[in-house]
Amino acid sequence: MQKKEKDSADTFFLDTNVLLDYLEKRHKDVYKVISELLQLSKEGKIILVTSIFNIAELLEKELDIAFYNRCMKKKMSCDEIIRSAKSKGGSYERALENCRGRLESKVKRLIEDNKLLLLSLPDNLDPVDQVCDLVVNRFLSSQDAMIVTTALAYSVTYFLSNDKQLVEKIGKIGWFYIYNLRKDNQRETFCNTVLKVAQS
């Protein structure tokens, strides 16, 4: 991993599930931590990033949440919801007609209002070996492999996720500091050390 210069700001990478916890206010403690990081980013004290792969996944998950919420309001049974979701066509698309623009705006506002930088794989990087290692040897999903490869390409300092398996697998390697913000002990360690330093 390429080392960062001592005087450069730390880079914090936000995984999809962390962004979703913030946007949907699903976990109050994670929401609070992300709110504080977003404020620090606005103040220019840290660099807050995610990848274009995370944004695509976030939009997909937001659409799924909207779809399932609509199904629940219509009091559909589990098998009706599953059939509708699996089709990902007619009924799924019709159910989301009125909310697609709103969800897109919500995600764009998150990016623009908070100086959240979007990373993509750099042109000068040949990611094949890295992706092969992550999928074949470390058993990451293809999506997670692309996300981790992007984070590595930019030498992020901290990787924040709520994906227990991803945190465990990548944490053992030591490429960057990785925290599961839903785990009380990891969140407290992050807040009492990393976040406090960033706020000072």
C-alpha atoms as a PDB file:
ATOM      1  CA  MET A   1       0.000   0.000   0.000  1.00  0.00           C
ATOM      2  CA  GLN A   2       1.303   3.432  -0.905  1.00  0.00           C
ATOM      3  CA  LYS A   3       1.964   5.499   2.236  1.00  0.00           C
ATOM      4  CA  LYS A   4       0.300   8.865   2.636  1.00  0.00           C
ATOM      5  CA  GLU A   5       2.347  11.972   3.358  1.00  0.00           C
ATOM      6  CA  LYS A   6       2.271  12.919   7.047  1.00  0.00           C
ATOM      7  CA  ASP A   7       0.700  16.321   6.420  1.00  0.00           C
ATOM      8  CA  SER A   8      -2.055  15.036   4.143  1.00  0.00           C
ATOM      9  CA  ALA A   9      -5.605  14.686   5.488  1.00  0.00           C
ATOM     10  CA  ASP A  10      -6.820  11.215   6.370  1.00  0.00           C
ATOM     11  CA  THR A  11      -9.150   9.600   3.855  1.00  0.00           C
ATOM     12  CA  PHE A  12     -12.283   7.872   5.132  1.00  0.00           C
ATOM     13  CA  PHE A  13     -13.993   5.404   2.792  1.00  0.00           C
ATOM     14  CA  LEU A  14     -17.736   4.841   3.375  1.00  0.00           C
ATOM     15  CA  ASP A  15     -19.141   1.457   2.351  1.00  0.00           C
ATOM     16  CA  THR A  16     -22.691   1.123   1.021  1.00  0.00           C
ATOM     17  CA  ASN A  17     -24.292  -0.185   4.212  1.00  0.00           C
ATOM     18  CA  VAL A  18     -22.876   2.730   6.229  1.00  0.00           C
ATOM     19  CA  LEU A  19     -24.324   5.206   3.720  1.00  0.00           C
ATOM     20  CA  LEU A  20     -27.647   3.382   3.898  1.00  0.00           C
ATOM     21  CA  ASP A  21     -27.662   3.514   7.710  1.00  0.00           C
ATOM     22  CA  TYR A  22     -27.186   7.268   7.418  1.00  0.00           C
ATOM     23  CA  LEU A  23     -29.720   7.954   4.672  1.00  0.00           C
ATOM     24  CA  GLU A  24     -32.441   5.735   6.155  1.00  0.00           C
ATOM     25  CA  LYS A  25     -31.559   6.472   9.800  1.00  0.00           C
ATOM     26  CA  ARG A  26     -31.518   2.716  10.432  1.00  0.00           C
ATOM     27  CA  HIS A  27     -29.014   2.734  13.270  1.00  0.00           C
ATOM     28  CA  LYS A  28     -28.859   5.801  15.516  1.00  0.00           C
ATOM     29  CA  ASP A  29     -25.242   5.337  16.639  1.00  0.00           C
ATOM     30  CA  VAL A  30     -23.945   4.818  13.095  1.00  0.00           C
ATOM     31  CA  TYR A  31     -26.060   7.772  11.936  1.00  0.00           C
ATOM     32  CA  LYS A  32     -24.422   9.976  14.595  1.00  0.00           C
ATOM     33  CA  VAL A  33     -20.876   8.937  13.619  1.00  0.00           C
ATOM     34  CA  ILE A  34     -21.520   9.489   9.893  1.00  0.00           C
ATOM     35  CA  SER A  35     -23.138  12.867  10.616  1.00  0.00           C
ATOM     36  CA  GLU A  36     -19.990  13.934  12.462  1.00  0.00           C
ATOM     37  CA  LEU A  37     -17.759  12.722   9.628  1.00  0.00           C
ATOM     38  CA  LEU A  38     -19.863  14.581   7.056  1.00  0.00           C
ATOM     39  CA  GLN A  39     -19.479  17.773   9.102  1.00  0.00           C
ATOM     40  CA  LEU A  40     -15.710  17.295   9.307  1.00  0.00           C
ATOM     41  CA  SER A  41     -15.650  16.799   5.548  1.00  0.00           C
ATOM     42  CA  LYS A  42     -17.555  20.049   4.996  1.00  0.00           C
ATOM     43  CA  GLU A  43     -15.014  21.810   7.218  1.00  0.00           C
ATOM     44  CA  GLY A  44     -12.163  20.357   5.145  1.00  0.00           C
ATOM     45  CA  LYS A  45     -10.644  18.492   8.113  1.00  0.00           C
ATOM     46  CA  ILE A  46     -10.910  15.058   6.495  1.00  0.00           C
ATOM     47  CA  ILE A  47     -11.386  13.620   3.028  1.00  0.00           C
ATOM     48  CA  LEU A  48     -14.573  11.580   2.804  1.00  0.00           C
ATOM     49  CA  VAL A  49     -14.889   9.192  -0.129  1.00  0.00           C
ATOM     50  CA  THR A  50     -16.882   6.327  -1.543  1.00  0.00           C
ATOM     51  CA  SER A  51     -16.790   4.624  -4.928  1.00  0.00           C
ATOM     52  CA  ILE A  52     -19.070   4.789  -7.929  1.00  0.00           C
ATOM     53  CA  PHE A  53     -19.675   1.070  -7.312  1.00  0.00           C
ATOM     54  CA  ASN A  54     -21.036   1.914  -3.841  1.00  0.00           C
ATOM     55  CA  ILE A  55     -23.322   4.588  -5.273  1.00  0.00           C
ATOM     56  CA  ALA A  56     -24.749   2.137  -7.824  1.00  0.00           C
ATOM     57  CA  GLU A  57     -25.348  -0.380  -5.032  1.00  0.00           C
ATOM     58  CA  LEU A  58     -26.847   2.322  -2.792  1.00  0.00           C
ATOM     59  CA  LEU A  59     -29.340   3.354  -5.488  1.00  0.00           C
ATOM     60  CA  GLU A  60     -30.318  -0.284  -6.035  1.00  0.00           C
ATOM     61  CA  LYS A  61     -30.860  -0.851  -2.313  1.00  0.00           C
ATOM     62  CA  GLU A  62     -32.858   2.384  -1.974  1.00  0.00           C
ATOM     63  CA  LEU A  63     -35.127   1.199  -4.809  1.00  0.00           C
ATOM     64  CA  ASP A  64     -35.577  -2.167  -3.068  1.00  0.00           C
ATOM     65  CA  ILE A  65     -36.467  -0.467   0.228  1.00  0.00           C
ATOM     66  CA  ALA A  66     -39.021   1.744  -1.529  1.00  0.00           C
ATOM     67  CA  PHE A  67     -40.472  -1.294  -3.302  1.00  0.00           C
ATOM     68  CA  TYR A  68     -40.809  -3.384  -0.135  1.00  0.00           C
ATOM     69  CA  ASN A  69     -42.281  -0.442   1.780  1.00  0.00           C
ATOM     70  CA  ARG A  70     -44.908  -0.032  -0.929  1.00  0.00           C
ATOM     71  CA  CYS A  71     -45.704  -3.764  -0.812  1.00  0.00           C
ATOM     72  CA  MET A  72     -46.105  -3.656   2.958  1.00  0.00           C
ATOM     73  CA  LYS A  73     -48.468  -0.673   2.695  1.00  0.00           C
ATOM     74  CA  LYS A  74     -50.571  -2.713   0.256  1.00  0.00           C
ATOM     75  CA  LYS A  75     -50.503  -5.578   2.810  1.00  0.00           C
ATOM     76  CA  MET A  76     -49.103  -8.011   0.292  1.00  0.00           C
ATOM     77  CA  SER A  77     -48.164 -11.463   1.549  1.00  0.00           C
ATOM     78  CA  CYS A  78     -44.538 -12.636   1.586  1.00  0.00           C
ATOM     79  CA  ASP A  79     -44.972 -14.858  -1.471  1.00  0.00           C
ATOM     80  CA  GLU A  80     -46.629 -12.019  -3.429  1.00  0.00           C
ATOM     81  CA  ILE A  81     -43.762  -9.691  -2.555  1.00  0.00           C
ATOM     82  CA  ILE A  82     -41.141 -12.296  -3.508  1.00  0.00           C
ATOM     83  CA  ARG A  83     -42.834 -12.985  -6.868  1.00  0.00           C
ATOM     84  CA  SER A  84     -43.060  -9.266  -7.628  1.00  0.00           C
ATOM     85  CA  ALA A  85     -39.454  -8.624  -6.598  1.00  0.00           C
ATOM     86  CA  LYS A  86     -38.081 -11.552  -8.595  1.00  0.00           C
ATOM     87  CA  SER A  87     -39.724 -10.320 -11.762  1.00  0.00           C
ATOM     88  CA  LYS A  88     -37.807  -6.983 -11.491  1.00  0.00           C
ATOM     89  CA  GLY A  89     -39.916  -5.908 -14.394  1.00  0.00           C
ATOM     90  CA  GLY A  90     -43.548  -4.938 -14.689  1.00  0.00           C
ATOM     91  CA  SER A  91     -44.851  -4.693 -11.112  1.00  0.00           C
ATOM     92  CA  TYR A  92     -41.441  -3.798  -9.641  1.00  0.00           C
ATOM     93  CA  GLU A  93     -40.927  -0.932 -12.079  1.00  0.00           C
ATOM     94  CA  ARG A  94     -44.529   0.279 -11.827  1.00  0.00           C
ATOM     95  CA  ALA A  95     -44.294   0.340  -8.028  1.00  0.00           C
ATOM     96  CA  LEU A  96     -41.262   2.625  -8.236  1.00  0.00           C
ATOM     97  CA  GLU A  97     -42.460   5.027 -10.946  1.00  0.00           C
ATOM     98  CA  ASN A  98     -43.292   7.814  -8.502  1.00  0.00           C
ATOM     99  CA  CYS A  99     -40.207   7.592  -6.308  1.00  0.00           C
ATOM    100  CA  ARG A 100     -37.281   7.112  -8.696  1.00  0.00           C
ATOM    101  CA  GLY A 101     -36.590  10.826  -9.133  1.00  0.00           C
ATOM    102  CA  ARG A 102     -36.848  11.444  -5.389  1.00  0.00           C
ATOM    103  CA  LEU A 103     -34.392   8.645  -4.571  1.00  0.00           C
ATOM    104  CA  GLU A 104     -31.944   9.821  -7.220  1.00  0.00           C
ATOM    105  CA  SER A 105     -32.078  13.374  -5.825  1.00  0.00           C
ATOM    106  CA  LYS A 106     -31.608  12.081  -2.277  1.00  0.00           C
ATOM    107  CA  VAL A 107     -28.381  10.266  -3.201  1.00  0.00           C
ATOM    108  CA  LYS A 108     -27.073  13.165  -5.333  1.00  0.00           C
ATOM    109  CA  ARG A 109     -27.699  15.591  -2.459  1.00  0.00           C
ATOM    110  CA  LEU A 110     -25.757  13.338  -0.098  1.00  0.00           C
ATOM    111  CA  ILE A 111     -22.772  13.519  -2.447  1.00  0.00           C
ATOM    112  CA  GLU A 112     -22.939  17.212  -3.356  1.00  0.00           C
ATOM    113  CA  ASP A 113     -23.908  18.706   0.021  1.00  0.00           C
ATOM    114  CA  ASN A 114     -21.218  16.861   1.963  1.00  0.00           C
ATOM    115  CA  LYS A 115     -18.154  17.085  -0.297  1.00  0.00           C
ATOM    116  CA  LEU A 116     -18.256  13.310  -0.654  1.00  0.00           C
ATOM    117  CA  LEU A 117     -15.691  12.372  -3.304  1.00  0.00           C
ATOM    118  CA  LEU A 118     -16.533   9.587  -5.757  1.00  0.00           C
ATOM    119  CA  LEU A 119     -13.731   7.229  -6.670  1.00  0.00           C
ATOM    120  CA  SER A 120     -13.499   5.002  -9.706  1.00  0.00           C
ATOM    121  CA  LEU A 121     -10.698   2.716 -10.797  1.00  0.00           C
ATOM    122  CA  PRO A 122      -7.838   4.863 -12.126  1.00  0.00           C
ATOM    123  CA  ASP A 123      -6.981   4.523 -15.819  1.00  0.00           C
ATOM    124  CA  ASN A 124      -3.370   3.577 -15.079  1.00  0.00           C
ATOM    125  CA  LEU A 125      -4.339   0.634 -12.846  1.00  0.00           C
ATOM    126  CA  ASP A 126      -4.574  -2.944 -14.078  1.00  0.00           C
ATOM    127  CA  PRO A 127      -6.899  -4.397 -11.419  1.00  0.00           C
ATOM    128  CA  VAL A 128      -7.099  -7.987 -12.724  1.00  0.00           C
ATOM    129  CA  ASP A 129      -4.602  -9.539 -10.291  1.00  0.00           C
ATOM    130  CA  GLN A 130      -6.095  -7.689  -7.323  1.00  0.00           C
ATOM    131  CA  VAL A 131      -9.686  -8.627  -8.204  1.00  0.00           C
ATOM    132  CA  CYS A 132      -8.683 -12.262  -8.848  1.00  0.00           C
ATOM    133  CA  ASP A 133      -7.020 -12.441  -5.434  1.00  0.00           C
ATOM    134  CA  LEU A 134     -10.027 -10.929  -3.659  1.00  0.00           C
ATOM    135  CA  VAL A 135     -12.603 -13.169  -5.354  1.00  0.00           C
ATOM    136  CA  VAL A 136     -10.693 -16.445  -5.739  1.00  0.00           C
ATOM    137  CA  ASN A 137      -8.481 -16.454  -2.635  1.00  0.00           C
ATOM    138  CA  ARG A 138     -10.375 -14.282  -0.181  1.00  0.00           C
ATOM    139  CA  PHE A 139     -13.909 -15.174  -1.320  1.00  0.00           C
ATOM    140  CA  LEU A 140     -15.271 -11.643  -1.630  1.00  0.00           C
ATOM    141  CA  SER A 141     -18.294 -10.984  -3.812  1.00  0.00           C
ATOM    142  CA  SER A 142     -17.567  -9.370  -7.161  1.00  0.00           C
ATOM    143  CA  GLN A 143     -19.078  -6.090  -5.941  1.00  0.00           C
ATOM    144  CA  ASP A 144     -16.991  -6.067  -2.745  1.00  0.00           C
ATOM    145  CA  ALA A 145     -13.862  -6.928  -4.737  1.00  0.00           C
ATOM    146  CA  MET A 146     -14.370  -3.880  -6.985  1.00  0.00           C
ATOM    147  CA  ILE A 147     -15.015  -1.648  -3.951  1.00  0.00           C
ATOM    148  CA  VAL A 148     -11.937  -2.843  -2.049  1.00  0.00           C
ATOM    149  CA  THR A 149      -9.751  -2.616  -5.176  1.00  0.00           C
ATOM    150  CA  THR A 150     -10.859   0.998  -5.639  1.00  0.00           C
ATOM    151  CA  ALA A 151     -10.143   1.842  -1.983  1.00  0.00           C
ATOM    152  CA  LEU A 152      -6.681   0.280  -2.299  1.00  0.00           C
ATOM    153  CA  ALA A 153      -5.929   2.185  -5.518  1.00  0.00           C
ATOM    154  CA  TYR A 154      -6.354   5.473  -3.620  1.00  0.00           C
ATOM    155  CA  SER A 155      -4.584   4.345  -0.420  1.00  0.00           C
ATOM    156  CA  VAL A 156      -7.500   5.221   1.852  1.00  0.00           C
ATOM    157  CA  THR A 157      -6.639   5.469   5.549  1.00  0.00           C
ATOM    158  CA  TYR A 158      -9.901   4.206   7.057  1.00  0.00           C
ATOM    159  CA  PHE A 159     -12.525   1.874   5.606  1.00  0.00           C
ATOM    160  CA  LEU A 160     -15.901   2.035   7.386  1.00  0.00           C
ATOM    161  CA  SER A 161     -18.385  -0.759   6.837  1.00  0.00           C
ATOM    162  CA  ASN A 162     -21.091  -2.726   8.611  1.00  0.00           C
ATOM    163  CA  ASP A 163     -20.420  -5.881   6.632  1.00  0.00           C
ATOM    164  CA  LYS A 164     -19.147  -8.281   9.297  1.00  0.00           C
ATOM    165  CA  GLN A 165     -17.570 -10.756   6.872  1.00  0.00           C
ATOM    166  CA  LEU A 166     -15.899  -8.074   4.780  1.00  0.00           C
ATOM    167  CA  VAL A 167     -14.467  -6.397   7.886  1.00  0.00           C
ATOM    168  CA  GLU A 168     -13.128  -9.708   9.209  1.00  0.00           C
ATOM    169  CA  LYS A 169     -11.585 -10.809   5.895  1.00  0.00           C
ATOM    170  CA  ILE A 170      -9.983  -7.491   4.981  1.00  0.00           C
ATOM    171  CA  GLY A 171      -9.105  -6.569   8.568  1.00  0.00           C
ATOM    172  CA  LYS A 172      -6.741  -9.543   8.794  1.00  0.00           C
ATOM    173  CA  ILE A 173      -4.712  -8.292   5.826  1.00  0.00           C
ATOM    174  CA  GLY A 174      -3.978  -4.833   7.228  1.00  0.00           C
ATOM    175  CA  TRP A 175      -4.273  -2.800   4.028  1.00  0.00           C
ATOM    176  CA  PHE A 176      -6.066  -0.022   5.883  1.00  0.00           C
ATOM    177  CA  TYR A 177      -7.765   0.556   9.241  1.00  0.00           C
ATOM    178  CA  ILE A 178     -11.199  -1.021   8.981  1.00  0.00           C
ATOM    179  CA  TYR A 179     -14.094  -0.630  11.414  1.00  0.00           C
ATOM    180  CA  ASN A 180     -17.537  -2.192  11.685  1.00  0.00           C
ATOM    181  CA  LEU A 181     -19.553   0.759  13.003  1.00  0.00           C
ATOM    182  CA  ARG A 182     -22.443  -1.442  14.122  1.00  0.00           C
ATOM    183  CA  LYS A 183     -20.212  -3.306  16.564  1.00  0.00           C
ATOM    184  CA  ASP A 184     -20.209  -1.361  19.824  1.00  0.00           C
ATOM    185  CA  ASN A 185     -16.563  -1.974  20.694  1.00  0.00           C
ATOM    186  CA  GLN A 186     -15.270  -1.068  17.218  1.00  0.00           C
ATOM    187  CA  ARG A 187     -17.476   2.027  17.013  1.00  0.00           C
ATOM    188  CA  GLU A 188     -16.362   3.186  20.479  1.00  0.00           C
ATOM    189  CA  THR A 189     -12.698   2.641  19.588  1.00  0.00           C
ATOM    190  CA  PHE A 190     -13.170   4.594  16.365  1.00  0.00           C
ATOM    191  CA  CYS A 191     -14.960   7.467  18.141  1.00  0.00           C
ATOM    192  CA  ASN A 192     -12.550   7.664  21.086  1.00  0.00           C
ATOM    193  CA  THR A 193      -9.415   7.612  18.966  1.00  0.00           C
ATOM    194  CA  VAL A 194      -9.824   8.420  15.268  1.00  0.00           C
ATOM    195  CA  LEU A 195     -12.863  10.715  15.423  1.00  0.00           C
ATOM    196  CA  LYS A 196     -11.609  12.639  18.456  1.00  0.00           C
ATOM    197  CA  VAL A 197      -8.289  13.343  16.748  1.00  0.00           C
ATOM    198  CA  ALA A 198     -10.042  14.478  13.552  1.00  0.00           C
ATOM    199  CA  GLN A 199     -12.269  16.844  15.540  1.00  0.00           C
ATOM    200  CA  SER A 200      -9.408  18.452  17.477  1.00  0.00           C
END
